């Protein structure tokens, strides 16, 4: 799809005294925005001589006068003919900058719904200049009069993201982010067309060799956040896709493992220790292939398979020992004891595969 690009006046201007290579653009994706708030934000940022690029994400003819006013204020406007989603809008804006400019320091992404003040955007800008190898996030505290959807959604996502990535992030859903210019080409390859794109960005921090830094910003909501286009159920499924894929891989491998275990235990009359070891060896082949290709994105290099089987050996010994000890101590059937033992090992296995087997620098 071809994109019509409209240049406003003064887009290349920088704050007084800044070097040209310290120009930081503000990128705002907009879909049916509150006109007054978006215009006020644009006015405030342009008064600070910050260059802006605004993505009209298929808002239609009704919003054309708004975007024309924003152009007159000095913003660069890129238009989608139809709504393509926040992730696609962010990538469209990044692509437009990379195609037309090569002398800027980075990009700040901000939302069009008024949640990010000009003051906080300037603070994020200063943080990026001080820490150019970091992704800077404007993190909200979620205290006071915060809509339940936003408070609960962020609390759950924060825990899941820490487990999935091993990185602590207080506000995974914040749209206020500062990205150094060197990382922008890679941002175009990150998957996701809607809200999942921002989570996928966080999941790629290690591959991008970026540190995560957070600075506290105001928590602003208007009309109980009714202007947000975030869809909790639909978009949550996309955001949690990594852990869901790992869980499905583990479930499939568990089915193979448990079926083989029961067959060897009861049909072949093998001891629980030998049945466990043989079954786990068979299921591990399937599990490694799925995790490497589907879950962790072919990370880990040529030594991943050796690290994986070292982990399998440790888990097998731990699993066999626990199954034997618990079944003997409680006089339970080993077939029943294996289920909770493997569930316990599942959570530890993900962390070890994430950081040890398929980890990147």
Protein backbone atom coordinates (compact mmCIF):
# COMPACT_ATOMS: atom_id res chain seq x y z
CA UNK A 1 0.00 0.00 0.00
CA UNK A 2 1.40 3.36 -0.94
CA UNK A 3 1.42 6.01 1.77
CA UNK A 4 0.85 9.69 1.12
CA UNK A 5 3.44 11.69 3.02
CA UNK A 6 2.84 15.34 3.78
CA UNK A 7 5.64 17.47 5.13
CA UNK A 8 4.86 20.31 7.48
CA UNK A 9 7.00 23.42 7.84
CA UNK A 10 9.91 23.36 10.22
CA UNK A 11 9.99 19.58 10.73
CA UNK A 12 13.76 19.48 10.80
CA UNK A 13 14.08 22.06 13.54
CA UNK A 14 15.87 21.07 16.76
CA UNK A 15 16.01 22.62 20.22
CA UNK A 16 18.31 25.58 20.40
CA UNK A 17 21.92 24.50 20.87
CA UNK A 18 21.33 20.84 20.03
CA UNK A 19 23.64 19.20 17.52
CA UNK A 20 21.94 17.84 14.42
CA UNK A 21 22.75 14.28 15.47
CA UNK A 22 20.84 14.82 18.73
CA UNK A 23 17.50 15.48 17.07
CA UNK A 24 14.82 13.22 18.52
CA UNK A 25 11.52 12.89 16.70
CA UNK A 26 8.19 12.37 18.43
CA UNK A 27 6.05 9.75 16.66
CA UNK A 28 2.31 9.72 17.43
CA UNK A 29 0.00 7.05 15.94
CA UNK A 30 -3.57 8.35 15.86
CA UNK A 31 -6.83 6.52 15.28
CA UNK A 32 -9.99 8.60 15.77
CA UNK A 33 -8.21 10.73 18.41
CA UNK A 34 -9.62 13.41 20.69
CA UNK A 35 -8.97 16.40 18.44
CA UNK A 36 -8.50 18.95 21.19
CA UNK A 37 -5.96 16.88 23.14
CA UNK A 38 -3.92 15.87 20.09
CA UNK A 39 -3.81 19.45 18.82
CA UNK A 40 -2.81 20.72 22.27
CA UNK A 41 -0.01 18.16 22.49
CA UNK A 42 1.25 19.05 19.03
CA UNK A 43 1.21 22.77 19.87
CA UNK A 44 3.14 22.16 23.11
CA UNK A 45 5.80 20.00 21.48
CA UNK A 46 6.25 22.25 18.46
CA UNK A 47 6.68 25.21 20.83
CA UNK A 48 9.69 23.27 22.17
CA UNK A 49 10.91 22.86 18.56
CA UNK A 50 10.53 19.09 18.74
CA UNK A 51 10.03 17.56 15.27
CA UNK A 52 6.90 15.42 15.06
CA UNK A 53 5.53 12.73 12.78
CA UNK A 54 1.85 11.83 13.21
CA UNK A 55 0.28 8.74 11.64
CA UNK A 56 -3.32 9.13 10.50
CA UNK A 57 -4.22 5.45 10.90
CA UNK A 58 -7.27 5.42 8.65
CA UNK A 59 -9.28 8.05 10.51
CA UNK A 60 -11.19 9.03 7.38
CA UNK A 61 -12.36 12.29 5.87
CA UNK A 62 -13.98 13.50 9.09
CA UNK A 63 -10.52 13.95 10.61
CA UNK A 64 -8.80 15.46 7.59
CA UNK A 65 -9.23 19.07 8.87
CA UNK A 66 -7.52 18.06 12.12
CA UNK A 67 -4.48 16.62 10.39
CA UNK A 68 -4.27 19.64 8.10
CA UNK A 69 -4.16 21.87 11.18
CA UNK A 70 -1.41 19.69 12.64
CA UNK A 71 0.57 20.07 9.42
CA UNK A 72 0.23 23.83 9.69
CA UNK A 73 1.64 23.59 13.20
CA UNK A 74 4.74 21.98 11.69
CA UNK A 75 4.09 18.27 12.10
CA UNK A 76 4.83 15.70 9.42
CA UNK A 77 1.72 13.62 8.66
CA UNK A 78 1.69 10.13 7.13
CA UNK A 79 -1.68 8.65 6.21
CA UNK A 80 -3.09 5.14 6.06
CA UNK A 81 -6.08 4.77 3.76
CA UNK A 82 -7.63 2.30 6.23
CA UNK A 83 -7.05 1.44 9.87
CA UNK A 84 -4.09 -0.97 10.05
CA UNK A 85 -3.44 -1.00 13.78
CA UNK A 86 -1.05 0.67 16.21
CA UNK A 87 1.86 -1.64 15.47
CA UNK A 88 1.66 -1.00 11.75
CA UNK A 89 1.28 2.75 12.35
CA UNK A 90 4.45 2.80 14.46
CA UNK A 91 6.37 0.90 11.79
CA UNK A 92 5.03 3.20 9.08
CA UNK A 93 6.30 6.22 11.00
CA UNK A 94 9.70 4.67 11.66
CA UNK A 95 10.03 3.68 8.01
CA UNK A 96 9.14 7.20 6.85
CA UNK A 97 11.83 8.71 9.08
CA UNK A 98 14.52 6.22 8.04
CA UNK A 99 13.67 6.76 4.36
CA UNK A 100 13.88 10.55 4.53
CA UNK A 101 16.30 11.38 7.37
CA UNK A 102 19.66 10.05 8.54
CA UNK A 103 20.76 12.68 11.02
CA UNK A 104 18.61 12.08 14.09
CA UNK A 105 19.39 10.57 17.49
CA UNK A 106 16.22 8.58 18.11
CA UNK A 107 12.44 8.46 18.27
CA UNK A 108 9.92 8.92 21.05
CA UNK A 109 6.57 7.18 20.61
CA UNK A 110 3.61 8.78 22.36
CA UNK A 111 -0.12 8.13 22.40
CA UNK A 112 -2.69 10.46 20.87
CA UNK A 113 -5.24 10.16 23.70
CA UNK A 114 -3.68 12.75 26.01
CA UNK A 115 -2.12 10.28 28.48
CA UNK A 116 1.38 11.61 27.82
CA UNK A 117 2.12 15.20 28.71
CA UNK A 118 4.65 17.34 26.87
CA UNK A 119 6.60 17.60 30.14
CA UNK A 120 6.97 13.82 30.40
CA UNK A 121 7.90 13.50 26.73
CA UNK A 122 10.72 15.99 27.30
CA UNK A 123 11.88 14.01 30.34
CA UNK A 124 11.97 10.80 28.31
CA UNK A 125 13.92 12.66 25.63
CA UNK A 126 16.53 13.76 28.17
CA UNK A 127 16.81 10.20 29.48
CA UNK A 128 17.54 8.84 25.99
CA UNK A 129 20.26 11.44 25.42
CA UNK A 130 21.87 10.35 28.70
CA UNK A 131 21.45 6.59 28.05
CA UNK A 132 21.72 6.08 24.27
CA UNK A 133 21.97 2.27 24.50
CA UNK A 134 18.63 1.91 26.28
CA UNK A 135 14.96 1.71 25.51
CA UNK A 136 13.42 4.33 27.78
CA UNK A 137 9.87 3.75 29.04
CA UNK A 138 7.70 6.35 30.72
CA UNK A 139 6.27 4.22 33.54
CA UNK A 140 3.02 5.02 35.30
CA UNK A 141 2.48 4.24 39.00
CA UNK A 142 -1.18 3.17 38.61
CA UNK A 143 -2.23 4.84 41.83
CA UNK A 144 -5.32 6.93 42.44
CA UNK A 145 -8.29 6.96 40.08
CA UNK A 146 -7.08 4.40 37.53
CA UNK A 147 -9.63 2.36 35.50
CA UNK A 148 -9.79 -1.25 36.68
CA UNK A 149 -9.12 -2.55 33.14
CA UNK A 150 -5.84 -0.66 32.98
CA UNK A 151 -4.73 -1.47 36.54
CA UNK A 152 -5.52 -5.20 36.34
CA UNK A 153 -4.25 -5.60 32.78
CA UNK A 154 -0.89 -4.06 33.59
CA UNK A 155 -0.50 -6.03 36.84
CA UNK A 156 -1.00 -9.36 35.09
CA UNK A 157 1.13 -8.45 32.08
CA UNK A 158 3.95 -7.22 34.30
CA UNK A 159 4.19 -10.61 36.01
CA UNK A 160 3.93 -12.57 32.74
CA UNK A 161 6.55 -10.40 31.03
CA UNK A 162 9.01 -10.84 33.91
CA UNK A 163 8.56 -14.61 33.66
CA UNK A 164 8.81 -14.70 29.87
CA UNK A 165 11.79 -12.35 29.47
CA UNK A 166 13.57 -12.26 32.81
CA UNK A 167 13.43 -8.44 32.66
CA UNK A 168 11.69 -6.33 35.27
CA UNK A 169 9.31 -3.75 33.77
CA UNK A 170 6.80 -1.82 35.85
CA UNK A 171 4.65 -0.59 32.95
CA UNK A 172 4.69 -2.97 29.98
CA UNK A 173 1.70 -1.25 28.36
CA UNK A 174 3.11 2.26 28.30
CA UNK A 175 3.10 3.80 24.84
CA UNK A 176 5.61 6.47 25.87
CA UNK A 177 8.97 5.08 24.77
CA UNK A 178 12.26 6.46 23.52
CA UNK A 179 14.20 4.33 21.03
CA UNK A 180 17.78 5.04 19.86
CA UNK A 181 18.20 5.45 16.11
CA UNK A 182 20.52 2.44 15.75
CA UNK A 183 17.69 0.09 16.83
CA UNK A 184 15.06 1.51 14.47
CA UNK A 185 15.83 -0.64 11.38
CA UNK A 186 15.38 -3.76 13.51
CA UNK A 187 12.06 -2.40 14.80
CA UNK A 188 10.63 -2.78 11.29
CA UNK A 189 11.21 -6.56 11.42
CA UNK A 190 9.47 -7.11 14.75
CA UNK A 191 6.17 -8.92 14.27
CA UNK A 192 2.81 -7.47 15.27
CA UNK A 193 0.37 -5.12 13.63
CA UNK A 194 -1.66 -3.99 16.65
CA UNK A 195 -1.04 -3.69 20.39
CA UNK A 196 1.01 -6.89 20.51
CA UNK A 197 3.77 -5.04 18.63
CA UNK A 198 4.71 -3.04 21.72
CA UNK A 199 5.02 -6.21 23.81
CA UNK A 200 7.01 -7.92 21.06
CA UNK A 201 9.34 -4.93 21.12
CA UNK A 202 10.01 -5.55 24.81
CA UNK A 203 10.54 -9.25 24.15
CA UNK A 204 13.28 -8.41 21.62
CA UNK A 205 15.39 -6.24 23.93
CA UNK A 206 18.14 -8.84 24.35
CA UNK A 207 18.39 -9.45 20.62
CA UNK A 208 18.63 -5.70 20.08
CA UNK A 209 21.31 -5.35 22.80
CA UNK A 210 19.20 -2.71 24.52
CA UNK A 211 18.90 -2.10 28.23
CA UNK A 212 15.49 -1.25 29.66
CA UNK A 213 15.21 1.96 31.66
CA UNK A 214 12.06 3.41 33.20
CA UNK A 215 11.34 6.89 34.43
CA UNK A 216 8.21 7.72 36.37
CA UNK A 217 5.56 9.79 34.59
CA UNK A 218 2.11 11.08 35.43
CA UNK A 219 -0.80 8.64 35.31
CA UNK A 220 -3.41 10.45 33.23
CA UNK A 221 -6.80 9.05 32.21
CA UNK A 222 -9.79 10.82 30.70
CA UNK A 223 -13.42 9.63 30.73
CA UNK A 224 -12.41 6.35 32.39
CA UNK A 225 -10.02 5.69 29.45
CA UNK A 226 -12.91 5.29 27.00
CA UNK A 227 -10.72 6.68 24.24
CA UNK A 228 -8.44 3.64 24.38
CA UNK A 229 -8.77 1.12 21.55
CA UNK A 230 -7.06 -1.62 23.56
CA UNK A 231 -9.18 -4.82 23.55
CA UNK A 232 -8.33 -6.76 26.73
CA UNK A 233 -9.26 -10.30 25.66
CA UNK A 234 -8.30 -10.15 21.99
CA UNK A 235 -5.03 -8.29 22.43
CA UNK A 236 -4.03 -10.11 25.65
CA UNK A 237 -4.03 -13.37 23.69
CA UNK A 238 -1.57 -11.80 21.25
CA UNK A 239 0.59 -10.29 24.00
CA UNK A 240 0.96 -13.59 25.87
CA UNK A 241 1.65 -15.61 22.74
CA UNK A 242 5.21 -16.52 23.74
CA UNK A 243 4.28 -18.23 26.97
CA UNK A 244 1.23 -19.75 25.28
CA UNK A 245 3.43 -21.29 22.58
CA UNK A 246 5.80 -22.66 25.21
CA UNK A 247 2.88 -24.09 27.16
CA UNK A 248 1.41 -25.75 24.06
CA UNK A 249 4.83 -27.18 23.17
CA UNK A 250 5.15 -28.53 26.69
CA UNK A 251 1.63 -29.96 26.68
CA UNK A 252 2.24 -31.75 23.39
CA UNK A 253 5.57 -33.10 24.63
CA UNK A 254 3.97 -34.08 27.93
CA UNK A 255 1.32 -36.11 26.10
CA UNK A 256 4.02 -38.00 24.24
CA UNK A 257 6.09 -38.34 27.40
CA UNK A 258 3.24 -39.50 29.64
CA UNK A 259 1.83 -41.95 27.09
CA UNK A 260 5.25 -43.54 26.61
CA UNK A 261 5.80 -43.59 30.38
CA UNK A 262 2.54 -45.43 31.11
CA UNK A 263 3.14 -47.85 28.26
CA UNK A 264 6.64 -48.70 29.48
CA UNK A 265 5.57 -48.80 33.13
CA UNK A 266 2.50 -51.02 32.84
CA UNK A 267 2.67 -52.79 29.46
CA UNK A 268 6.41 -53.43 29.47
CA UNK A 269 6.75 -53.73 33.28
CA UNK A 270 9.82 -51.50 33.43
CA UNK A 271 10.79 -49.85 36.68
CA UNK A 272 9.58 -46.26 37.19
CA UNK A 273 13.16 -44.97 36.88
CA UNK A 274 13.82 -46.60 33.48
CA UNK A 275 10.31 -45.81 32.19
CA UNK A 276 10.75 -42.15 33.14
CA UNK A 277 14.15 -41.88 31.49
CA UNK A 278 13.13 -43.49 28.19
CA UNK A 279 9.88 -41.52 27.94
CA UNK A 280 11.62 -38.22 28.66
CA UNK A 281 14.31 -38.93 26.06
CA UNK A 282 11.66 -39.50 23.38
CA UNK A 283 9.57 -36.42 24.23
CA UNK A 284 12.65 -34.19 24.48
CA UNK A 285 13.37 -34.59 20.77
CA UNK A 286 9.97 -33.15 19.93
CA UNK A 287 10.19 -30.46 22.59
CA UNK A 288 13.58 -29.16 21.46
CA UNK A 289 12.50 -28.89 17.82
CA UNK A 290 9.31 -26.96 18.65
CA UNK A 291 10.92 -24.65 21.21
CA UNK A 292 13.83 -23.73 18.98
CA UNK A 293 11.77 -23.12 15.84
CA UNK A 294 8.53 -21.73 17.26
CA UNK A 295 9.00 -20.44 20.82
CA UNK A 296 12.47 -18.89 20.99
CA UNK A 297 12.96 -17.87 17.38
CA UNK A 298 15.98 -20.04 16.46
CA UNK A 299 18.13 -18.45 19.14
CA UNK A 300 20.95 -20.13 20.99
CA UNK A 301 23.32 -21.00 18.14
CA UNK A 302 24.91 -24.35 17.36
CA UNK A 303 25.50 -25.21 21.02
CA UNK A 304 21.83 -24.92 21.96
CA UNK A 305 21.19 -28.64 21.46
CA UNK A 306 24.01 -29.58 23.84
CA UNK A 307 22.81 -27.12 26.47
CA UNK A 308 19.27 -28.40 26.00
CA UNK A 309 20.21 -32.01 26.63
CA UNK A 310 22.32 -31.03 29.61
CA UNK A 311 19.16 -29.44 30.99
CA UNK A 312 17.14 -32.55 30.07
CA UNK A 313 19.62 -34.73 31.96
CA UNK A 314 19.37 -32.56 35.07
CA UNK A 315 15.58 -32.49 34.86
CA UNK A 316 15.40 -36.23 34.33
CA UNK A 317 17.47 -36.90 37.42
CA UNK A 318 15.45 -34.38 39.42
CA UNK A 319 12.16 -35.75 38.10
CA UNK A 320 13.04 -39.40 38.68
CA UNK A 321 14.29 -38.64 42.15
CA UNK A 322 11.19 -36.67 43.10
CA UNK A 323 8.78 -39.22 41.65
CA UNK A 324 10.51 -42.07 43.51
CA UNK A 325 10.79 -40.17 46.77
CA UNK A 326 7.20 -38.93 46.80
CA UNK A 327 5.62 -42.21 45.66
CA UNK A 328 7.57 -44.18 48.27
CA UNK A 329 6.93 -41.70 51.06
CA UNK A 330 3.18 -41.36 50.39
CA UNK A 331 2.54 -44.81 48.92
CA UNK A 332 1.10 -43.23 45.78
CA UNK A 333 1.29 -44.69 42.30
CA UNK A 334 4.28 -43.23 40.37
CA UNK A 335 1.93 -42.59 37.45
CA UNK A 336 -0.04 -40.09 39.52
CA UNK A 337 2.96 -38.52 41.20
CA UNK A 338 4.57 -37.70 37.84
CA UNK A 339 1.90 -35.11 36.98
CA UNK A 340 2.57 -32.58 39.79
CA UNK A 341 6.33 -33.19 39.54
CA UNK A 342 6.36 -32.35 35.83
CA UNK A 343 4.17 -29.30 36.45
CA UNK A 344 6.73 -28.02 38.93
CA UNK A 345 9.58 -28.69 36.52
CA UNK A 346 7.68 -26.91 33.72
CA UNK A 347 8.03 -23.46 35.31
CA UNK A 348 11.72 -23.92 36.03
CA UNK A 349 12.30 -25.34 32.56
CA UNK A 350 11.03 -22.24 30.80
CA UNK A 351 13.36 -19.95 32.75
CA UNK A 352 16.38 -22.20 32.11
CA UNK A 353 15.58 -22.55 28.41
CA UNK A 354 15.01 -18.80 28.13
CA UNK A 355 18.32 -17.82 29.74
CA UNK A 356 20.60 -20.85 29.38
CA UNK A 357 19.59 -22.95 26.37
CA UNK A 358 18.23 -20.36 23.93
CA UNK A 359 19.51 -17.21 25.58
CA UNK A 360 21.26 -14.50 23.60
CA UNK A 361 23.84 -11.99 24.73
